[in-house]
Amino acid sequence: MAGKKFRKAIESYEATKKYTVDEGCALVSKLKISTKWDETVDASIRLGVNPKYADQMVRGSVVMPGGTGKTKRVLVIAKPDKAREALEAGADFAGSDEYIKKIAEENWFDFDTLVATPDMMVQVGKIGRVLGPRGLMPNPKVGTVTADVAKAVRELKAGRVEFRVEKAGIIQTPIGKASFAPEKLAGNLRALLDTLMKLKPATAKGTYMRSITISTTHGPGIKVDTAAYAGGGDA
């Protein structure tokens, strides 16, 4: 059945056409396959970078203005005063050594994102070997190592997503749900693309924004025109 739905979806639009951001975001939800659950809308962006060079590793975070449709569970590792600030800002868990011990000894991972203050990174580093493979190690480049824990928690709860370029020069990240209004998806996609343009490495040669494709979890991909992002500055 899923195969029939997929073929029908492909036949309902021009798969080779490059749509504008607004057109693509208006179309993507119509091509979802599942009627039983709210599929995630993902963006796959191929950049003209070579991630094996440290100065071409594109990594960062962006607050999706329309949210992501998913609430993140946030753990903050900080000393008591900062832990209090984090809890007041909406953190699900906040503390210091007790949480490091819980992760190390009980294999506890009931959280989606870990934020830490700079003065706690030595202790957090001790459990880096279990955090790293799960993509949970705090990093200043994506705003998860910060003294302003309240701001970090508020942004994460509001829909901040982290991204990192993969080996093939591709960044993949969710930009919302199929149930979102097209303008909300478009706002999220533009926020992501604008952020990627600001992070363009000075050493990147040739075309930077090579391709943009959006799709629901099981739906076909829609090509988005990169023309507006062909330059080297803000689009």
Protein backbone atom coordinates (compact mmCIF):
# COMPACT_ATOMS: atom_id res chain seq x y z
CA MET A 1 0.00 0.00 0.00
CA ALA A 2 2.81 2.38 0.91
CA GLY A 3 4.37 1.71 -2.51
CA LYS A 4 1.15 2.68 -4.30
CA LYS A 5 0.83 5.84 -2.21
CA PHE A 6 4.43 6.76 -2.97
CA ARG A 7 3.98 6.26 -6.72
CA LYS A 8 0.77 8.31 -6.61
CA ALA A 9 2.59 11.10 -4.74
CA ILE A 10 5.40 11.17 -7.32
CA GLU A 11 2.90 11.38 -10.16
CA SER A 12 1.13 14.35 -8.56
CA TYR A 13 3.95 16.88 -9.02
CA GLU A 14 6.95 17.67 -11.23
CA ALA A 15 9.78 15.77 -9.55
CA THR A 16 12.48 17.42 -11.68
CA LYS A 17 11.23 20.98 -11.22
CA LYS A 18 12.96 23.32 -8.78
CA TYR A 19 10.34 25.07 -6.66
CA THR A 20 10.64 28.29 -4.69
CA VAL A 21 10.78 27.99 -0.89
CA ASP A 22 7.11 28.98 -0.64
CA GLU A 23 5.98 26.62 -3.42
CA GLY A 24 7.95 23.69 -2.03
CA CYS A 25 6.67 24.18 1.50
CA ALA A 26 3.08 24.45 0.23
CA LEU A 27 3.50 21.21 -1.70
CA VAL A 28 5.46 19.04 0.73
CA SER A 29 2.60 18.29 3.15
CA LYS A 30 0.36 17.22 0.26
CA LEU A 31 2.86 14.49 -0.59
CA LYS A 32 2.93 12.82 2.82
CA ILE A 33 2.31 9.07 2.77
CA SER A 34 1.00 8.33 6.26
CA THR A 35 -2.51 9.30 7.34
CA LYS A 36 -2.05 7.80 10.83
CA TRP A 37 0.64 10.09 12.22
CA ASP A 38 2.11 13.53 11.69
CA GLU A 39 5.19 13.01 9.55
CA THR A 40 8.27 15.14 10.12
CA VAL A 41 9.35 17.46 7.30
CA ASP A 42 13.11 17.21 6.71
CA ALA A 43 15.51 19.38 4.75
CA SER A 44 18.55 17.87 3.03
CA ILE A 45 21.06 20.46 1.87
CA ARG A 46 24.20 19.66 -0.12
CA LEU A 47 26.97 22.17 0.43
CA GLY A 48 30.10 22.80 -1.61
CA VAL A 49 32.44 22.00 1.28
CA ASN A 50 34.87 19.22 2.14
CA PRO A 51 34.25 18.30 5.81
CA LYS A 52 37.55 16.43 6.10
CA TYR A 53 39.16 19.87 6.40
CA ALA A 54 38.51 21.43 9.81
CA ASP A 55 38.04 24.91 8.31
CA GLN A 56 35.21 23.60 6.11
CA MET A 57 33.29 21.82 8.87
CA VAL A 58 29.92 23.60 8.89
CA ARG A 59 28.28 23.19 12.27
CA GLY A 60 25.84 25.29 14.25
CA SER A 61 22.30 25.72 15.46
CA VAL A 62 19.21 27.68 14.48
CA VAL A 63 16.02 28.60 16.30
CA MET A 64 13.10 27.59 14.08
CA PRO A 65 10.68 30.56 14.30
CA GLY A 66 7.70 28.23 13.83
CA GLY A 67 8.97 25.60 16.28
CA THR A 68 9.69 21.98 15.37
CA GLY A 69 6.55 20.25 16.62
CA LYS A 70 8.64 18.33 19.13
CA THR A 71 9.43 19.25 22.73
CA LYS A 72 13.03 18.53 23.72
CA ARG A 73 13.94 17.20 27.15
CA VAL A 74 16.83 19.35 28.34
CA LEU A 75 19.45 18.48 30.95
CA VAL A 76 21.68 21.29 32.23
CA ILE A 77 24.89 20.49 34.10
CA ALA A 78 25.88 23.50 36.14
CA LYS A 79 26.63 24.65 39.67
CA PRO A 80 23.64 25.32 41.98
CA ASP A 81 22.95 28.97 41.07
CA LYS A 82 23.02 28.31 37.32
CA ALA A 83 21.10 25.06 37.76
CA ARG A 84 18.35 27.08 39.47
CA GLU A 85 18.28 29.53 36.54
CA ALA A 86 17.97 26.62 34.13
CA LEU A 87 15.04 25.07 35.98
CA GLU A 88 13.27 28.43 36.16
CA ALA A 89 13.73 28.76 32.37
CA GLY A 90 12.09 25.39 31.81
CA ALA A 91 14.89 22.80 31.92
CA ASP A 92 13.66 19.27 32.61
CA PHE A 93 16.70 18.41 34.73
CA ALA A 94 19.52 20.51 36.20
CA GLY A 95 22.35 19.75 38.56
CA SER A 96 26.02 18.87 38.56
CA ASP A 97 27.97 15.84 39.77
CA GLU A 98 24.85 13.83 40.60
CA TYR A 99 23.79 13.79 36.95
CA ILE A 100 27.29 13.00 35.70
CA LYS A 101 27.33 10.05 38.11
CA LYS A 102 23.84 8.97 37.05
CA ILE A 103 24.86 8.91 33.37
CA ALA A 104 28.16 7.13 34.08
CA GLU A 105 26.87 4.52 36.52
CA GLU A 106 23.22 4.02 35.55
CA ASN A 107 23.47 4.60 31.79
CA TRP A 108 20.73 7.23 32.22
CA PHE A 109 19.75 9.09 29.06
CA ASP A 110 16.22 10.41 29.64
CA PHE A 111 17.04 13.68 27.85
CA ASP A 112 17.46 14.89 24.27
CA THR A 113 19.97 17.72 24.73
CA LEU A 114 22.71 18.41 27.26
CA VAL A 115 23.72 21.97 28.09
CA ALA A 116 26.73 22.66 30.31
CA THR A 117 28.40 25.76 31.70
CA PRO A 118 32.08 26.24 30.75
CA ASP A 119 33.23 25.63 34.34
CA MET A 120 31.66 22.15 34.31
CA MET A 121 33.19 20.93 31.04
CA VAL A 122 36.14 19.19 32.71
CA GLN A 123 33.70 16.98 34.65
CA VAL A 124 31.45 16.51 31.61
CA GLY A 125 34.50 15.49 29.60
CA LYS A 126 34.91 12.47 31.86
CA ILE A 127 31.73 10.97 30.36
CA GLY A 128 32.50 12.19 26.84
CA ARG A 129 33.01 8.63 25.58
CA VAL A 130 29.36 7.79 26.31
CA LEU A 131 27.94 11.19 25.31
CA GLY A 132 29.84 11.51 22.02
CA PRO A 133 28.43 8.48 20.16
CA ARG A 134 24.90 9.65 21.04
CA GLY A 135 25.53 13.16 19.77
CA LEU A 136 25.00 14.58 23.25
CA MET A 137 28.41 16.10 23.98
CA PRO A 138 27.98 19.85 24.62
CA ASN A 139 29.72 22.12 22.11
CA PRO A 140 30.12 25.92 22.12
CA LYS A 141 29.59 26.05 18.33
CA VAL A 142 25.99 24.94 18.72
CA GLY A 143 25.35 26.92 21.91
CA THR A 144 25.27 24.00 24.35
CA VAL A 145 28.35 25.17 26.25
CA THR A 146 27.32 28.53 27.68
CA ALA A 147 27.12 30.56 30.85
CA ASP A 148 23.69 31.83 29.78
CA VAL A 149 21.88 28.59 30.50
CA ALA A 150 18.46 30.25 30.78
CA LYS A 151 18.69 31.57 27.21
CA ALA A 152 19.89 28.19 25.92
CA VAL A 153 17.01 26.37 27.60
CA ARG A 154 14.40 28.83 26.30
CA GLU A 155 15.74 28.54 22.74
CA LEU A 156 15.87 24.75 22.85
CA LYS A 157 12.32 24.58 24.15
CA ALA A 158 11.20 27.08 21.49
CA GLY A 159 12.59 24.94 18.67
CA ARG A 160 16.35 25.32 18.36
CA VAL A 161 17.93 22.57 16.29
CA GLU A 162 21.58 21.66 15.89
CA PHE A 163 23.13 20.62 12.60
CA ARG A 164 26.46 19.33 11.38
CA VAL A 165 27.67 18.64 7.86
CA GLU A 166 28.15 14.94 7.07
CA LYS A 167 31.05 13.37 5.14
CA ALA A 168 29.41 13.90 1.75
CA GLY A 169 28.88 17.61 2.44
CA ILE A 170 25.20 17.15 3.30
CA ILE A 171 23.27 18.67 6.19
CA GLN A 172 20.01 17.01 7.18
CA THR A 173 17.68 18.47 9.76
CA PRO A 174 13.94 18.57 10.57
CA ILE A 175 12.14 21.84 9.81
CA GLY A 176 8.71 20.98 11.24
CA LYS A 177 5.75 18.68 10.84
CA ALA A 178 3.48 17.88 7.89
CA SER A 179 0.58 19.47 9.80
CA PHE A 180 2.36 22.85 9.89
CA ALA A 181 0.97 25.68 7.78
CA PRO A 182 3.10 26.21 4.63
CA GLU A 183 4.19 29.67 5.77
CA LYS A 184 5.47 28.24 9.06
CA LEU A 185 7.54 25.60 7.22
CA ALA A 186 8.81 28.26 4.81
CA GLY A 187 9.86 30.50 7.71
CA ASN A 188 11.75 27.62 9.31
CA LEU A 189 13.48 26.65 6.06
CA ARG A 190 14.52 30.25 5.38
CA ALA A 191 15.92 30.56 8.92
CA LEU A 192 18.02 27.42 8.33
CA LEU A 193 19.26 28.54 4.92
CA ASP A 194 20.09 32.06 6.15
CA THR A 195 22.09 30.55 9.03
CA LEU A 196 23.98 28.23 6.66
CA MET A 197 24.87 31.18 4.43
CA LYS A 198 26.30 33.06 7.42
CA LEU A 199 28.42 30.00 8.25
CA LYS A 200 29.91 29.69 4.75
CA PRO A 201 33.62 28.88 5.19
CA ALA A 202 36.00 31.39 3.63
CA THR A 203 37.92 28.46 2.10
CA ALA A 204 34.88 26.93 0.36
CA LYS A 205 35.37 26.99 -3.42
CA GLY A 206 32.78 27.12 -6.19
CA THR A 207 29.04 26.89 -5.55
CA TYR A 208 28.29 26.76 -1.83
CA MET A 209 24.54 25.99 -1.74
CA ARG A 210 24.48 23.13 -4.27
CA SER A 211 21.06 21.59 -3.70
CA ILE A 212 18.09 21.85 -1.34
CA THR A 213 15.56 19.03 -1.03
CA ILE A 214 12.62 18.83 1.37
CA SER A 215 10.40 15.84 2.10
CA THR A 216 8.15 14.29 4.71
CA THR A 217 9.43 11.19 6.53
CA HIS A 218 8.11 8.75 3.92
CA GLY A 219 7.25 11.11 1.08
CA PRO A 220 9.20 11.90 -2.12
CA GLY A 221 11.73 14.71 -2.27
CA ILE A 222 10.92 18.18 -3.58
CA LYS A 223 13.78 20.16 -5.12
CA VAL A 224 14.01 23.77 -3.97
CA ASP A 225 15.64 26.40 -6.18
CA THR A 226 18.99 27.53 -4.77
CA ALA A 227 19.10 30.73 -6.90
CA ALA A 228 18.25 33.02 -3.97
CA TYR A 229 21.18 31.53 -2.05
CA ALA A 230 23.74 31.45 -4.86
CA GLY A 231 25.70 34.39 -3.50
CA GLY A 232 28.03 34.48 -0.56
CA GLY A 233 26.16 36.58 1.97
CA ASP A 234 22.79 36.76 3.60
CA ALA A 235 19.96 35.74 1.27
